[in-house]
Amino acid sequence: MVKLNEKYVTDRAGRRTDVVLSRKDYRRLIDYLEDLEDRLEIRKRKRGARFVSWEIAKASLKAK
């Protein structure tokens, strides 16, 4: 998990209304989320994937 140094903005009643992140923390958070999306996509594609040996793939490419 990404460790962030967030700061909170509060309303007059003391309730947290917003979060402020440094640019560095924001970028780290975005990178982390993009990595998660990639992992989910890979997992999704692996479920229905058919794998062939390198020799078969190479022969298929030569035939084209």
PDB file of N, CA and C in Angstrom:
ATOM      1  N   MET A   1       0.837  -1.176   0.000  1.00  0.00           N
ATOM      2  CA  MET A   1       0.000   0.000   0.000  1.00  0.00           C
ATOM      3  C   MET A   1       0.883   1.240   0.000  1.00  0.00           C
ATOM      4  N   VAL A   2       0.363   2.295  -0.565  1.00  0.00           N
ATOM      5  CA  VAL A   2       1.101   3.545  -0.668  1.00  0.00           C
ATOM      6  C   VAL A   2       0.930   4.344   0.622  1.00  0.00           C
ATOM      7  N   LYS A   3       2.034   4.798   1.164  1.00  0.00           N
ATOM      8  CA  LYS A   3       1.997   5.633   2.372  1.00  0.00           C
ATOM      9  C   LYS A   3       1.921   7.089   1.933  1.00  0.00           C
ATOM     10  N   LEU A   4       0.851   7.764   2.349  1.00  0.00           N
ATOM     11  CA  LEU A   4       0.633   9.151   1.963  1.00  0.00           C
ATOM     12  C   LEU A   4       0.688  10.053   3.178  1.00  0.00           C
ATOM     13  N   ASN A   5       1.108  11.282   2.946  1.00  0.00           N
ATOM     14  CA  ASN A   5       1.114  12.306   3.996  1.00  0.00           C
ATOM     15  C   ASN A   5       0.005  13.299   3.691  1.00  0.00           C
ATOM     16  N   GLU A   6      -1.226  12.862   3.891  1.00  0.00           N
ATOM     17  CA  GLU A   6      -2.356  13.702   3.546  1.00  0.00           C
ATOM     18  C   GLU A   6      -2.634  14.734   4.631  1.00  0.00           C
ATOM     19  N   LYS A   7      -3.224  15.845   4.200  1.00  0.00           N
ATOM     20  CA  LYS A   7      -3.668  16.894   5.112  1.00  0.00           C
ATOM     21  C   LYS A   7      -5.155  17.088   4.859  1.00  0.00           C
ATOM     22  N   TYR A   8      -5.902  17.354   5.905  1.00  0.00           N
ATOM     23  CA  TYR A   8      -7.348  17.465   5.787  1.00  0.00           C
ATOM     24  C   TYR A   8      -7.803  18.914   5.907  1.00  0.00           C
ATOM     25  N   VAL A   9      -8.832  19.240   5.148  1.00  0.00           N
ATOM     26  CA  VAL A   9      -9.508  20.518   5.258  1.00  0.00           C
ATOM     27  C   VAL A   9     -10.804  20.245   6.013  1.00  0.00           C
ATOM     28  N   THR A  10     -11.073  21.048   7.013  1.00  0.00           N
ATOM     29  CA  THR A  10     -12.277  20.829   7.821  1.00  0.00           C
ATOM     30  C   THR A  10     -13.230  22.013   7.678  1.00  0.00           C
ATOM     31  N   ASP A  11     -14.511  21.722   7.895  1.00  0.00           N
ATOM     32  CA  ASP A  11     -15.492  22.806   7.899  1.00  0.00           C
ATOM     33  C   ASP A  11     -15.554  23.422   9.305  1.00  0.00           C
ATOM     34  N   ARG A  12     -16.460  24.349   9.489  1.00  0.00           N
ATOM     35  CA  ARG A  12     -16.552  25.052  10.783  1.00  0.00           C
ATOM     36  C   ARG A  12     -16.929  24.120  11.926  1.00  0.00           C
ATOM     37  N   ALA A  13     -17.599  23.023  11.602  1.00  0.00           N
ATOM     38  CA  ALA A  13     -17.998  22.064  12.642  1.00  0.00           C
ATOM     39  C   ALA A  13     -16.877  21.073  12.958  1.00  0.00           C
ATOM     40  N   GLY A  14     -15.771  21.169  12.227  1.00  0.00           N
ATOM     41  CA  GLY A  14     -14.654  20.267  12.474  1.00  0.00           C
ATOM     42  C   GLY A  14     -14.699  18.971  11.683  1.00  0.00           C
ATOM     43  N   ARG A  15     -15.669  18.855  10.769  1.00  0.00           N
ATOM     44  CA  ARG A  15     -15.763  17.654   9.937  1.00  0.00           C
ATOM     45  C   ARG A  15     -14.801  17.765   8.757  1.00  0.00           C
ATOM     46  N   ARG A  16     -14.151  16.676   8.456  1.00  0.00           N
ATOM     47  CA  ARG A  16     -13.242  16.654   7.311  1.00  0.00           C
ATOM     48  C   ARG A  16     -14.046  16.733   6.021  1.00  0.00           C
ATOM     49  N   THR A  17     -13.677  17.666   5.167  1.00  0.00           N
ATOM     50  CA  THR A  17     -14.411  17.855   3.919  1.00  0.00           C
ATOM     51  C   THR A  17     -13.557  17.571   2.690  1.00  0.00           C
ATOM     52  N   ASP A  18     -12.260  17.775   2.777  1.00  0.00           N
ATOM     53  CA  ASP A  18     -11.361  17.592   1.641  1.00  0.00           C
ATOM     54  C   ASP A  18     -10.024  17.049   2.112  1.00  0.00           C
ATOM     55  N   VAL A  19      -9.281  16.549   1.154  1.00  0.00           N
ATOM     56  CA  VAL A  19      -7.935  16.044   1.429  1.00  0.00           C
ATOM     57  C   VAL A  19      -6.973  16.752   0.495  1.00  0.00           C
ATOM     58  N   VAL A  20      -5.829  17.139   1.034  1.00  0.00           N
ATOM     59  CA  VAL A  20      -4.791  17.792   0.247  1.00  0.00           C
ATOM     60  C   VAL A  20      -3.585  16.862   0.222  1.00  0.00           C
ATOM     61  N   LEU A  21      -3.091  16.604  -1.002  1.00  0.00           N
ATOM     62  CA  LEU A  21      -1.901  15.769  -1.177  1.00  0.00           C
ATOM     63  C   LEU A  21      -0.815  16.571  -1.869  1.00  0.00           C
ATOM     64  N   SER A  22       0.418  16.261  -1.559  1.00  0.00           N
ATOM     65  CA  SER A  22       1.512  16.867  -2.301  1.00  0.00           C
ATOM     66  C   SER A  22       1.505  16.281  -3.716  1.00  0.00           C
ATOM     67  N   ARG A  23       2.160  16.944  -4.625  1.00  0.00           N
ATOM     68  CA  ARG A  23       2.241  16.413  -5.996  1.00  0.00           C
ATOM     69  C   ARG A  23       2.909  15.051  -6.011  1.00  0.00           C
ATOM     70  N   LYS A  24       3.933  14.899  -5.199  1.00  0.00           N
ATOM     71  CA  LYS A  24       4.647  13.626  -5.131  1.00  0.00           C
ATOM     72  C   LYS A  24       3.720  12.515  -4.651  1.00  0.00           C
ATOM     73  N   ASP A  25       2.957  12.750  -3.593  1.00  0.00           N
ATOM     74  CA  ASP A  25       2.025  11.748  -3.087  1.00  0.00           C
ATOM     75  C   ASP A  25       0.916  11.463  -4.087  1.00  0.00           C
ATOM     76  N   TYR A  26       0.427  12.511  -4.745  1.00  0.00           N
ATOM     77  CA  TYR A  26      -0.608  12.328  -5.765  1.00  0.00           C
ATOM     78  C   TYR A  26      -0.092  11.422  -6.881  1.00  0.00           C
ATOM     79  N   ARG A  27       1.125  11.681  -7.356  1.00  0.00           N
ATOM     80  CA  ARG A  27       1.705  10.879  -8.437  1.00  0.00           C
ATOM     81  C   ARG A  27       1.892   9.435  -7.982  1.00  0.00           C
ATOM     82  N   ARG A  28       2.350   9.225  -6.754  1.00  0.00           N
ATOM     83  CA  ARG A  28       2.520   7.871  -6.219  1.00  0.00           C
ATOM     84  C   ARG A  28       1.190   7.139  -6.156  1.00  0.00           C
ATOM     85  N   LEU A  29       0.136   7.846  -5.760  1.00  0.00           N
ATOM     86  CA  LEU A  29      -1.190   7.249  -5.685  1.00  0.00           C
ATOM     87  C   LEU A  29      -1.696   6.863  -7.080  1.00  0.00           C
ATOM     88  N   ILE A  30      -1.522   7.750  -8.047  1.00  0.00           N
ATOM     89  CA  ILE A  30      -1.943   7.461  -9.421  1.00  0.00           C
ATOM     90  C   ILE A  30      -1.158   6.276  -9.978  1.00  0.00           C
ATOM     91  N   ASP A  31       0.144   6.240  -9.765  1.00  0.00           N
ATOM     92  CA  ASP A  31       0.960   5.111 -10.237  1.00  0.00           C
ATOM     93  C   ASP A  31       0.500   3.804  -9.613  1.00  0.00           C
ATOM     94  N   TYR A  32       0.191   3.835  -8.332  1.00  0.00           N
ATOM     95  CA  TYR A  32      -0.275   2.640  -7.630  1.00  0.00           C
ATOM     96  C   TYR A  32      -1.596   2.150  -8.225  1.00  0.00           C
ATOM     97  N   LEU A  33      -2.516   3.066  -8.466  1.00  0.00           N
ATOM     98  CA  LEU A  33      -3.803   2.691  -9.051  1.00  0.00           C
ATOM     99  C   LEU A  33      -3.654   2.136 -10.465  1.00  0.00           C
ATOM    100  N   GLU A  34      -2.757   2.724 -11.251  1.00  0.00           N
ATOM    101  CA  GLU A  34      -2.513   2.216 -12.601  1.00  0.00           C
ATOM    102  C   GLU A  34      -1.939   0.804 -12.555  1.00  0.00           C
ATOM    103  N   ASP A  35      -1.046   0.552 -11.621  1.00  0.00           N
ATOM    104  CA  ASP A  35      -0.493  -0.801 -11.457  1.00  0.00           C
ATOM    105  C   ASP A  35      -1.592  -1.802 -11.094  1.00  0.00           C
ATOM    106  N   LEU A  36      -2.494  -1.403 -10.215  1.00  0.00           N
ATOM    107  CA  LEU A  36      -3.609  -2.274  -9.848  1.00  0.00           C
ATOM    108  C   LEU A  36      -4.495  -2.581 -11.052  1.00  0.00           C
ATOM    109  N   GLU A  37      -4.775  -1.562 -11.855  1.00  0.00           N
ATOM    110  CA  GLU A  37      -5.580  -1.776 -13.062  1.00  0.00           C
ATOM    111  C   GLU A  37      -4.896  -2.765 -13.995  1.00  0.00           C
ATOM    112  N   ASP A  38      -3.585  -2.605 -14.163  1.00  0.00           N
ATOM    113  CA  ASP A  38      -2.835  -3.527 -15.030  1.00  0.00           C
ATOM    114  C   ASP A  38      -2.907  -4.955 -14.508  1.00  0.00           C
ATOM    115  N   ARG A  39      -2.747  -5.116 -13.209  1.00  0.00           N
ATOM    116  CA  ARG A  39      -2.809  -6.466 -12.620  1.00  0.00           C
ATOM    117  C   ARG A  39      -4.174  -7.107 -12.816  1.00  0.00           C
ATOM    118  N   LEU A  40      -5.224  -6.303 -12.654  1.00  0.00           N
ATOM    119  CA  LEU A  40      -6.575  -6.832 -12.865  1.00  0.00           C
ATOM    120  C   LEU A  40      -6.799  -7.239 -14.315  1.00  0.00           C
ATOM    121  N   GLU A  41      -6.288  -6.445 -15.242  1.00  0.00           N
ATOM    122  CA  GLU A  41      -6.434  -6.767 -16.665  1.00  0.00           C
ATOM    123  C   GLU A  41      -5.681  -8.047 -17.011  1.00  0.00           C
ATOM    124  N   ILE A  42      -4.485  -8.197 -16.482  1.00  0.00           N
ATOM    125  CA  ILE A  42      -3.705  -9.420 -16.721  1.00  0.00           C
ATOM    126  C   ILE A  42      -4.441 -10.623 -16.156  1.00  0.00           C
ATOM    127  N   ARG A  43      -4.966 -10.499 -14.952  1.00  0.00           N
ATOM    128  CA  ARG A  43      -5.698 -11.605 -14.328  1.00  0.00           C
ATOM    129  C   ARG A  43      -6.926 -11.981 -15.167  1.00  0.00           C
ATOM    130  N   LYS A  44      -7.634 -10.970 -15.675  1.00  0.00           N
ATOM    131  CA  LYS A  44      -8.815 -11.205 -16.496  1.00  0.00           C
ATOM    132  C   LYS A  44      -8.451 -11.943 -17.790  1.00  0.00           C
ATOM    133  N   ARG A  45      -7.361 -11.523 -18.424  1.00  0.00           N
ATOM    134  CA  ARG A  45      -6.953 -12.138 -19.689  1.00  0.00           C
ATOM    135  C   ARG A  45      -6.422 -13.554 -19.495  1.00  0.00           C
ATOM    136  N   LYS A  46      -5.810 -13.819 -18.346  1.00  0.00           N
ATOM    137  CA  LYS A  46      -5.277 -15.158 -18.093  1.00  0.00           C
ATOM    138  C   LYS A  46      -6.375 -16.197 -17.957  1.00  0.00           C
ATOM    139  N   ARG A  47      -7.528 -15.779 -17.479  1.00  0.00           N
ATOM    140  CA  ARG A  47      -8.626 -16.725 -17.262  1.00  0.00           C
ATOM    141  C   ARG A  47      -9.033 -17.433 -18.544  1.00  0.00           C
ATOM    142  N   GLY A  48      -9.149 -16.708 -19.635  1.00  0.00           N
ATOM    143  CA  GLY A  48      -9.609 -17.316 -20.879  1.00  0.00           C
ATOM    144  C   GLY A  48      -8.493 -17.547 -21.879  1.00  0.00           C
ATOM    145  N   ALA A  49      -7.275 -17.409 -21.443  1.00  0.00           N
ATOM    146  CA  ALA A  49      -6.144 -17.495 -22.374  1.00  0.00           C
ATOM    147  C   ALA A  49      -5.775 -18.937 -22.694  1.00  0.00           C
ATOM    148  N   ARG A  50      -5.383 -19.135 -23.930  1.00  0.00           N
ATOM    149  CA  ARG A  50      -4.819 -20.420 -24.349  1.00  0.00           C
ATOM    150  C   ARG A  50      -3.346 -20.174 -24.650  1.00  0.00           C
ATOM    151  N   PHE A  51      -2.511 -20.973 -24.078  1.00  0.00           N
ATOM    152  CA  PHE A  51      -1.080 -20.816 -24.281  1.00  0.00           C
ATOM    153  C   PHE A  51      -0.561 -21.917 -25.188  1.00  0.00           C
ATOM    154  N   VAL A  52       0.386 -21.549 -26.026  1.00  0.00           N
ATOM    155  CA  VAL A  52       1.033 -22.524 -26.900  1.00  0.00           C
ATOM    156  C   VAL A  52       2.528 -22.450 -26.658  1.00  0.00           C
ATOM    157  N   SER A  53       3.225 -23.475 -27.021  1.00  0.00           N
ATOM    158  CA  SER A  53       4.674 -23.486 -26.836  1.00  0.00           C
ATOM    159  C   SER A  53       5.329 -22.494 -27.795  1.00  0.00           C
ATOM    160  N   TRP A  54       6.526 -22.110 -27.476  1.00  0.00           N
ATOM    161  CA  TRP A  54       7.271 -21.172 -28.316  1.00  0.00           C
ATOM    162  C   TRP A  54       7.505 -21.764 -29.706  1.00  0.00           C
ATOM    163  N   GLU A  55       7.756 -23.040 -29.783  1.00  0.00           N
ATOM    164  CA  GLU A  55       8.006 -23.678 -31.080  1.00  0.00           C
ATOM    165  C   GLU A  55       6.779 -23.554 -31.985  1.00  0.00           C
ATOM    166  N   ILE A  56       5.615 -23.780 -31.453  1.00  0.00           N
ATOM    167  CA  ILE A  56       4.387 -23.670 -32.254  1.00  0.00           C
ATOM    168  C   ILE A  56       4.152 -22.204 -32.669  1.00  0.00           C
ATOM    169  N   ALA A  57       4.364 -21.293 -31.761  1.00  0.00           N
ATOM    170  CA  ALA A  57       4.181 -19.878 -32.077  1.00  0.00           C
ATOM    171  C   ALA A  57       5.170 -19.434 -33.151  1.00  0.00           C
ATOM    172  N   LYS A  58       6.424 -19.867 -33.040  1.00  0.00           N
ATOM    173  CA  LYS A  58       7.452 -19.504 -34.007  1.00  0.00           C
ATOM    174  C   LYS A  58       7.111 -20.065 -35.382  1.00  0.00           C
ATOM    175  N   ALA A  59       6.664 -21.317 -35.435  1.00  0.00           N
ATOM    176  CA  ALA A  59       6.291 -21.937 -36.704  1.00  0.00           C
ATOM    177  C   ALA A  59       5.101 -21.202 -37.323  1.00  0.00           C
ATOM    178  N   SER A  60       4.185 -20.782 -36.502  1.00  0.00           N
ATOM    179  CA  SER A  60       3.014 -20.047 -36.993  1.00  0.00           C
ATOM    180  C   SER A  60       3.442 -18.724 -37.605  1.00  0.00           C
ATOM    181  N   LEU A  61       4.393 -18.049 -36.988  1.00  0.00           N
ATOM    182  CA  LEU A  61       4.871 -16.775 -37.518  1.00  0.00           C
ATOM    183  C   LEU A  61       5.627 -16.951 -38.833  1.00  0.00           C
ATOM    184  N   LYS A  62       6.393 -18.002 -38.943  1.00  0.00           N
ATOM    185  CA  LYS A  62       7.140 -18.277 -40.181  1.00  0.00           C
ATOM    186  C   LYS A  62       6.197 -18.586 -41.336  1.00  0.00           C
ATOM    187  N   ALA A  63       5.091 -19.228 -41.047  1.00  0.00           N
ATOM    188  CA  ALA A  63       4.139 -19.626 -42.079  1.00  0.00           C
ATOM    189  C   ALA A  63       3.439 -18.406 -42.694  1.00  0.00           C
ATOM    190  N   LYS A  64       3.381 -17.314 -41.974  1.00  0.00           N
ATOM    191  CA  LYS A  64       2.682 -16.106 -42.464  1.00  0.00           C
ATOM    192  C   LYS A  64       3.546 -15.293 -43.318  1.00  0.00           C
TER     193      LYS A  64
END
